[in-house]
Amino acid sequence: MSSPHTPHTPHSFFSLFAHTPHPTPHTLHPTPHTPHPTPHTPHPTPYTPHPTPQFPNKLTPASF
């Protein structure tokens, strides 16, 4: 008996594959998150606390 050995109709078989919702390639190109940080070189003002010139103690009896 040469009965078509296809119990399930090809349509239902392919319908399973046809209904595979091809997921859109979820490759959302993330924008290169390289937030160019401003070169944080806070030019520190040259802390040279100009020491007041040591005036010779004029009030010392030695200077009189």
PDB file of N, CA and C in Angstrom:
ATOM      1  N   MET A   1       0.846  -1.193   0.000  1.00  0.00           N
ATOM      2  CA  MET A   1       0.000   0.000   0.000  1.00  0.00           C
ATOM      3  C   MET A   1       0.890   1.255   0.000  1.00  0.00           C
ATOM      4  N   SER A   2       0.850   1.973  -1.078  1.00  0.00           N
ATOM      5  CA  SER A   2       1.688   3.151  -1.204  1.00  0.00           C
ATOM      6  C   SER A   2       0.901   4.392  -0.807  1.00  0.00           C
ATOM      7  N   SER A   3       0.562   4.452   0.477  1.00  0.00           N
ATOM      8  CA  SER A   3      -0.192   5.625   0.934  1.00  0.00           C
ATOM      9  C   SER A   3       0.806   6.748   1.229  1.00  0.00           C
ATOM     10  N   PRO A   4       0.488   7.962   0.872  1.00  0.00           N
ATOM     11  CA  PRO A   4       1.394   9.092   1.156  1.00  0.00           C
ATOM     12  C   PRO A   4       1.679   9.153   2.642  1.00  0.00           C
ATOM     13  N   HIS A   5       2.932   8.936   2.997  1.00  0.00           N
ATOM     14  CA  HIS A   5       3.249   8.870   4.421  1.00  0.00           C
ATOM     15  C   HIS A   5       3.456  10.282   4.966  1.00  0.00           C
ATOM     16  N   THR A   6       2.438  11.097   4.825  1.00  0.00           N
ATOM     17  CA  THR A   6       2.508  12.458   5.356  1.00  0.00           C
ATOM     18  C   THR A   6       1.249  12.687   6.171  1.00  0.00           C
ATOM     19  N   PRO A   7       1.216  12.193   7.403  1.00  0.00           N
ATOM     20  CA  PRO A   7       0.025  12.316   8.251  1.00  0.00           C
ATOM     21  C   PRO A   7      -0.345  13.787   8.459  1.00  0.00           C
ATOM     22  N   HIS A   8       0.632  14.563   8.780  1.00  0.00           N
ATOM     23  CA  HIS A   8       0.343  15.975   9.007  1.00  0.00           C
ATOM     24  C   HIS A   8       0.490  16.710   7.682  1.00  0.00           C
ATOM     25  N   THR A   9      -0.444  17.554   7.395  1.00  0.00           N
ATOM     26  CA  THR A   9      -0.410  18.279   6.121  1.00  0.00           C
ATOM     27  C   THR A   9       0.815  19.184   6.115  1.00  0.00           C
ATOM     28  N   PRO A  10       1.492  19.258   5.006  1.00  0.00           N
ATOM     29  CA  PRO A  10       2.703  20.068   4.904  1.00  0.00           C
ATOM     30  C   PRO A  10       2.435  21.518   5.305  1.00  0.00           C
ATOM     31  N   HIS A  11       1.218  21.926   5.098  1.00  0.00           N
ATOM     32  CA  HIS A  11       0.887  23.320   5.394  1.00  0.00           C
ATOM     33  C   HIS A  11       1.052  23.593   6.887  1.00  0.00           C
ATOM     34  N   SER A  12       0.520  22.704   7.724  1.00  0.00           N
ATOM     35  CA  SER A  12       0.614  22.909   9.165  1.00  0.00           C
ATOM     36  C   SER A  12       2.077  22.818   9.604  1.00  0.00           C
ATOM     37  N   PHE A  13       2.818  21.957   8.910  1.00  0.00           N
ATOM     38  CA  PHE A  13       4.223  21.779   9.260  1.00  0.00           C
ATOM     39  C   PHE A  13       5.007  23.052   8.974  1.00  0.00           C
ATOM     40  N   PHE A  14       4.792  23.602   7.793  1.00  0.00           N
ATOM     41  CA  PHE A  14       5.520  24.810   7.417  1.00  0.00           C
ATOM     42  C   PHE A  14       4.980  26.039   8.127  1.00  0.00           C
ATOM     43  N   SER A  15       3.718  25.948   8.534  1.00  0.00           N
ATOM     44  CA  SER A  15       3.131  27.103   9.216  1.00  0.00           C
ATOM     45  C   SER A  15       3.874  27.357  10.521  1.00  0.00           C
ATOM     46  N   LEU A  16       4.401  26.283  11.123  1.00  0.00           N
ATOM     47  CA  LEU A  16       5.146  26.450  12.370  1.00  0.00           C
ATOM     48  C   LEU A  16       6.396  27.292  12.115  1.00  0.00           C
ATOM     49  N   PHE A  17       7.039  26.991  10.989  1.00  0.00           N
ATOM     50  CA  PHE A  17       8.253  27.744  10.675  1.00  0.00           C
ATOM     51  C   PHE A  17       7.922  29.131  10.130  1.00  0.00           C
ATOM     52  N   ALA A  18       6.760  29.202   9.489  1.00  0.00           N
ATOM     53  CA  ALA A  18       6.362  30.482   8.920  1.00  0.00           C
ATOM     54  C   ALA A  18       6.039  31.464  10.033  1.00  0.00           C
ATOM     55  N   HIS A  19       5.619  30.913  11.176  1.00  0.00           N
ATOM     56  CA  HIS A  19       5.227  31.793  12.271  1.00  0.00           C
ATOM     57  C   HIS A  19       6.370  32.077  13.233  1.00  0.00           C
ATOM     58  N   THR A  20       7.558  31.757  12.791  1.00  0.00           N
ATOM     59  CA  THR A  20       8.694  32.115  13.641  1.00  0.00           C
ATOM     60  C   THR A  20       8.963  33.582  13.372  1.00  0.00           C
ATOM     61  N   PRO A  21       8.513  34.443  14.266  1.00  0.00           N
ATOM     62  CA  PRO A  21       8.652  35.880  14.040  1.00  0.00           C
ATOM     63  C   PRO A  21      10.120  36.251  14.015  1.00  0.00           C
ATOM     64  N   HIS A  22      10.645  36.326  12.811  1.00  0.00           N
ATOM     65  CA  HIS A  22      12.059  36.647  12.679  1.00  0.00           C
ATOM     66  C   HIS A  22      12.356  37.883  13.516  1.00  0.00           C
ATOM     67  N   PRO A  23      12.992  37.678  14.637  1.00  0.00           N
ATOM     68  CA  PRO A  23      13.267  38.824  15.505  1.00  0.00           C
ATOM     69  C   PRO A  23      14.200  39.779  14.782  1.00  0.00           C
ATOM     70  N   THR A  24      13.816  41.001  14.734  1.00  0.00           N
ATOM     71  CA  THR A  24      14.664  41.974  14.055  1.00  0.00           C
ATOM     72  C   THR A  24      16.023  41.934  14.741  1.00  0.00           C
ATOM     73  N   PRO A  25      17.069  41.900  13.964  1.00  0.00           N
ATOM     74  CA  PRO A  25      18.411  41.825  14.557  1.00  0.00           C
ATOM     75  C   PRO A  25      18.553  42.895  15.622  1.00  0.00           C
ATOM     76  N   HIS A  26      18.463  42.460  16.869  1.00  0.00           N
ATOM     77  CA  HIS A  26      18.446  43.436  17.957  1.00  0.00           C
ATOM     78  C   HIS A  26      19.871  43.865  18.260  1.00  0.00           C
ATOM     79  N   THR A  27      20.424  44.530  17.300  1.00  0.00           N
ATOM     80  CA  THR A  27      21.790  45.025  17.500  1.00  0.00           C
ATOM     81  C   THR A  27      21.709  46.532  17.431  1.00  0.00           C
ATOM     82  N   LEU A  28      21.125  47.097  18.459  1.00  0.00           N
ATOM     83  CA  LEU A  28      20.984  48.549  18.442  1.00  0.00           C
ATOM     84  C   LEU A  28      22.361  49.136  18.671  1.00  0.00           C
ATOM     85  N   HIS A  29      22.968  49.543  17.587  1.00  0.00           N
ATOM     86  CA  HIS A  29      24.322  50.074  17.659  1.00  0.00           C
ATOM     87  C   HIS A  29      24.388  51.145  18.742  1.00  0.00           C
ATOM     88  N   PRO A  30      24.931  50.788  19.883  1.00  0.00           N
ATOM     89  CA  PRO A  30      25.011  51.783  20.956  1.00  0.00           C
ATOM     90  C   PRO A  30      26.005  52.853  20.551  1.00  0.00           C
ATOM     91  N   THR A  31      25.605  54.067  20.674  1.00  0.00           N
ATOM     92  CA  THR A  31      26.510  55.145  20.289  1.00  0.00           C
ATOM     93  C   THR A  31      27.760  55.008  21.150  1.00  0.00           C
ATOM     94  N   PRO A  32      28.906  55.043  20.527  1.00  0.00           N
ATOM     95  CA  PRO A  32      30.151  54.871  21.289  1.00  0.00           C
ATOM     96  C   PRO A  32      30.169  55.829  22.460  1.00  0.00           C
ATOM     97  N   HIS A  33      29.933  55.277  23.648  1.00  0.00           N
ATOM     98  CA  HIS A  33      29.812  56.152  24.814  1.00  0.00           C
ATOM     99  C   HIS A  33      31.199  56.512  25.319  1.00  0.00           C
ATOM    100  N   THR A  34      31.829  57.381  24.568  1.00  0.00           N
ATOM    101  CA  THR A  34      33.148  57.851  24.998  1.00  0.00           C
ATOM    102  C   THR A  34      33.008  59.335  25.252  1.00  0.00           C
ATOM    103  N   PRO A  35      32.441  59.685  26.388  1.00  0.00           N
ATOM    104  CA  PRO A  35      32.209  61.100  26.697  1.00  0.00           C
ATOM    105  C   PRO A  35      33.536  61.781  26.942  1.00  0.00           C
ATOM    106  N   HIS A  36      34.135  62.228  25.861  1.00  0.00           N
ATOM    107  CA  HIS A  36      35.457  62.838  25.964  1.00  0.00           C
ATOM    108  C   HIS A  36      35.505  63.731  27.197  1.00  0.00           C
ATOM    109  N   PRO A  37      36.037  63.217  28.282  1.00  0.00           N
ATOM    110  CA  PRO A  37      36.074  64.027  29.502  1.00  0.00           C
ATOM    111  C   PRO A  37      37.062  65.157  29.304  1.00  0.00           C
ATOM    112  N   THR A  38      36.632  66.326  29.617  1.00  0.00           N
ATOM    113  CA  THR A  38      37.531  67.460  29.443  1.00  0.00           C
ATOM    114  C   THR A  38      38.760  67.179  30.295  1.00  0.00           C
ATOM    115  N   PRO A  39      39.924  67.322  29.713  1.00  0.00           N
ATOM    116  CA  PRO A  39      41.153  67.010  30.459  1.00  0.00           C
ATOM    117  C   PRO A  39      41.133  67.734  31.789  1.00  0.00           C
ATOM    118  N   HIS A  40      40.893  66.962  32.850  1.00  0.00           N
ATOM    119  CA  HIS A  40      40.737  67.606  34.152  1.00  0.00           C
ATOM    120  C   HIS A  40      42.111  67.921  34.721  1.00  0.00           C
ATOM    121  N   THR A  41      42.714  68.932  34.140  1.00  0.00           N
ATOM    122  CA  THR A  41      44.012  69.375  34.666  1.00  0.00           C
ATOM    123  C   THR A  41      43.793  70.777  35.182  1.00  0.00           C
ATOM    124  N   PRO A  42      43.218  70.885  36.371  1.00  0.00           N
ATOM    125  CA  PRO A  42      42.903  72.205  36.922  1.00  0.00           C
ATOM    126  C   PRO A  42      44.191  72.922  37.255  1.00  0.00           C
ATOM    127  N   HIS A  43      44.725  73.589  36.263  1.00  0.00           N
ATOM    128  CA  HIS A  43      46.011  74.253  36.448  1.00  0.00           C
ATOM    129  C   HIS A  43      46.019  74.948  37.802  1.00  0.00           C
ATOM    130  N   PRO A  44      46.599  74.296  38.786  1.00  0.00           N
ATOM    131  CA  PRO A  44      46.591  74.908  40.116  1.00  0.00           C
ATOM    132  C   PRO A  44      47.497  76.123  40.092  1.00  0.00           C
ATOM    133  N   THR A  45      46.992  77.200  40.588  1.00  0.00           N
ATOM    134  CA  THR A  45      47.814  78.413  40.588  1.00  0.00           C
ATOM    135  C   THR A  45      49.069  78.085  41.390  1.00  0.00           C
ATOM    136  N   PRO A  46      50.216  78.366  40.818  1.00  0.00           N
ATOM    137  CA  PRO A  46      51.472  78.022  41.502  1.00  0.00           C
ATOM    138  C   PRO A  46      51.436  78.570  42.919  1.00  0.00           C
ATOM    139  N   TYR A  47      51.254  77.653  43.860  1.00  0.00           N
ATOM    140  CA  TYR A  47      51.096  78.115  45.241  1.00  0.00           C
ATOM    141  C   TYR A  47      52.459  78.476  45.798  1.00  0.00           C
ATOM    142  N   THR A  48      52.905  79.649  45.426  1.00  0.00           N
ATOM    143  CA  THR A  48      54.181  80.125  45.973  1.00  0.00           C
ATOM    144  C   THR A  48      53.813  81.291  46.867  1.00  0.00           C
ATOM    145  N   PRO A  49      53.463  80.994  48.106  1.00  0.00           N
ATOM    146  CA  PRO A  49      53.029  82.054  49.021  1.00  0.00           C
ATOM    147  C   PRO A  49      54.190  82.982  49.293  1.00  0.00           C
ATOM    148  N   HIS A  50      54.307  83.948  48.415  1.00  0.00           N
ATOM    149  CA  HIS A  50      55.445  84.858  48.529  1.00  0.00           C
ATOM    150  C   HIS A  50      55.594  85.267  49.992  1.00  0.00           C
ATOM    151  N   PRO A  51      56.527  84.658  50.647  1.00  0.00           N
ATOM    152  CA  PRO A  51      56.692  84.991  52.069  1.00  0.00           C
ATOM    153  C   PRO A  51      57.156  86.429  52.174  1.00  0.00           C
ATOM    154  N   THR A  52      56.504  87.150  53.016  1.00  0.00           N
ATOM    155  CA  THR A  52      56.881  88.561  53.160  1.00  0.00           C
ATOM    156  C   THR A  52      58.360  88.586  53.499  1.00  0.00           C
ATOM    157  N   PRO A  53      59.107  89.371  52.772  1.00  0.00           N
ATOM    158  CA  PRO A  53      60.558  89.430  53.011  1.00  0.00           C
ATOM    159  C   PRO A  53      60.819  89.650  54.495  1.00  0.00           C
ATOM    160  N   GLN A  54      61.578  88.754  55.062  1.00  0.00           N
ATOM    161  CA  GLN A  54      61.864  88.887  56.497  1.00  0.00           C
ATOM    162  C   GLN A  54      62.627  90.179  56.727  1.00  0.00           C
ATOM    163  N   PHE A  55      61.877  91.193  57.113  1.00  0.00           N
ATOM    164  CA  PHE A  55      62.558  92.452  57.418  1.00  0.00           C
ATOM    165  C   PHE A  55      63.351  92.228  58.690  1.00  0.00           C
ATOM    166  N   PRO A  56      64.538  92.721  58.707  1.00  0.00           N
ATOM    167  CA  PRO A  56      65.332  92.592  59.945  1.00  0.00           C
ATOM    168  C   PRO A  56      64.576  93.275  61.065  1.00  0.00           C
ATOM    169  N   ASN A  57      64.398  92.567  62.143  1.00  0.00           N
ATOM    170  CA  ASN A  57      63.628  93.138  63.254  1.00  0.00           C
ATOM    171  C   ASN A  57      64.246  94.466  63.667  1.00  0.00           C
ATOM    172  N   LYS A  58      63.596  95.535  63.222  1.00  0.00           N
ATOM    173  CA  LYS A  58      64.135  96.865  63.516  1.00  0.00           C
ATOM    174  C   LYS A  58      63.988  97.194  64.999  1.00  0.00           C
ATOM    175  N   LEU A  59      63.006  96.536  65.632  1.00  0.00           N
ATOM    176  CA  LEU A  59      62.760  96.878  67.029  1.00  0.00           C
ATOM    177  C   LEU A  59      63.740  96.202  67.976  1.00  0.00           C
ATOM    178  N   THR A  60      64.627  95.424  67.397  1.00  0.00           N
ATOM    179  CA  THR A  60      65.563  94.747  68.301  1.00  0.00           C
ATOM    180  C   THR A  60      66.600  95.766  68.763  1.00  0.00           C
ATOM    181  N   PRO A  61      66.910  95.755  69.997  1.00  0.00           N
ATOM    182  CA  PRO A  61      67.886  96.708  70.551  1.00  0.00           C
ATOM    183  C   PRO A  61      69.210  96.648  69.803  1.00  0.00           C
ATOM    184  N   ALA A  62      69.482  95.525  69.178  1.00  0.00           N
ATOM    185  CA  ALA A  62      70.761  95.368  68.493  1.00  0.00           C
ATOM    186  C   ALA A  62      70.850  96.317  67.314  1.00  0.00           C
ATOM    187  N   SER A  63      69.714  96.602  66.656  1.00  0.00           N
ATOM    188  CA  SER A  63      69.748  97.462  65.476  1.00  0.00           C
ATOM    189  C   SER A  63      69.919  98.922  65.879  1.00  0.00           C
ATOM    190  N   PHE A  64      69.625  99.243  67.112  1.00  0.00           N
ATOM    191  CA  PHE A  64      69.735 100.661  67.509  1.00  0.00           C
ATOM    192  C   PHE A  64      71.195 101.030  67.571  1.00  0.00           C
TER     193      PHE A  64
END
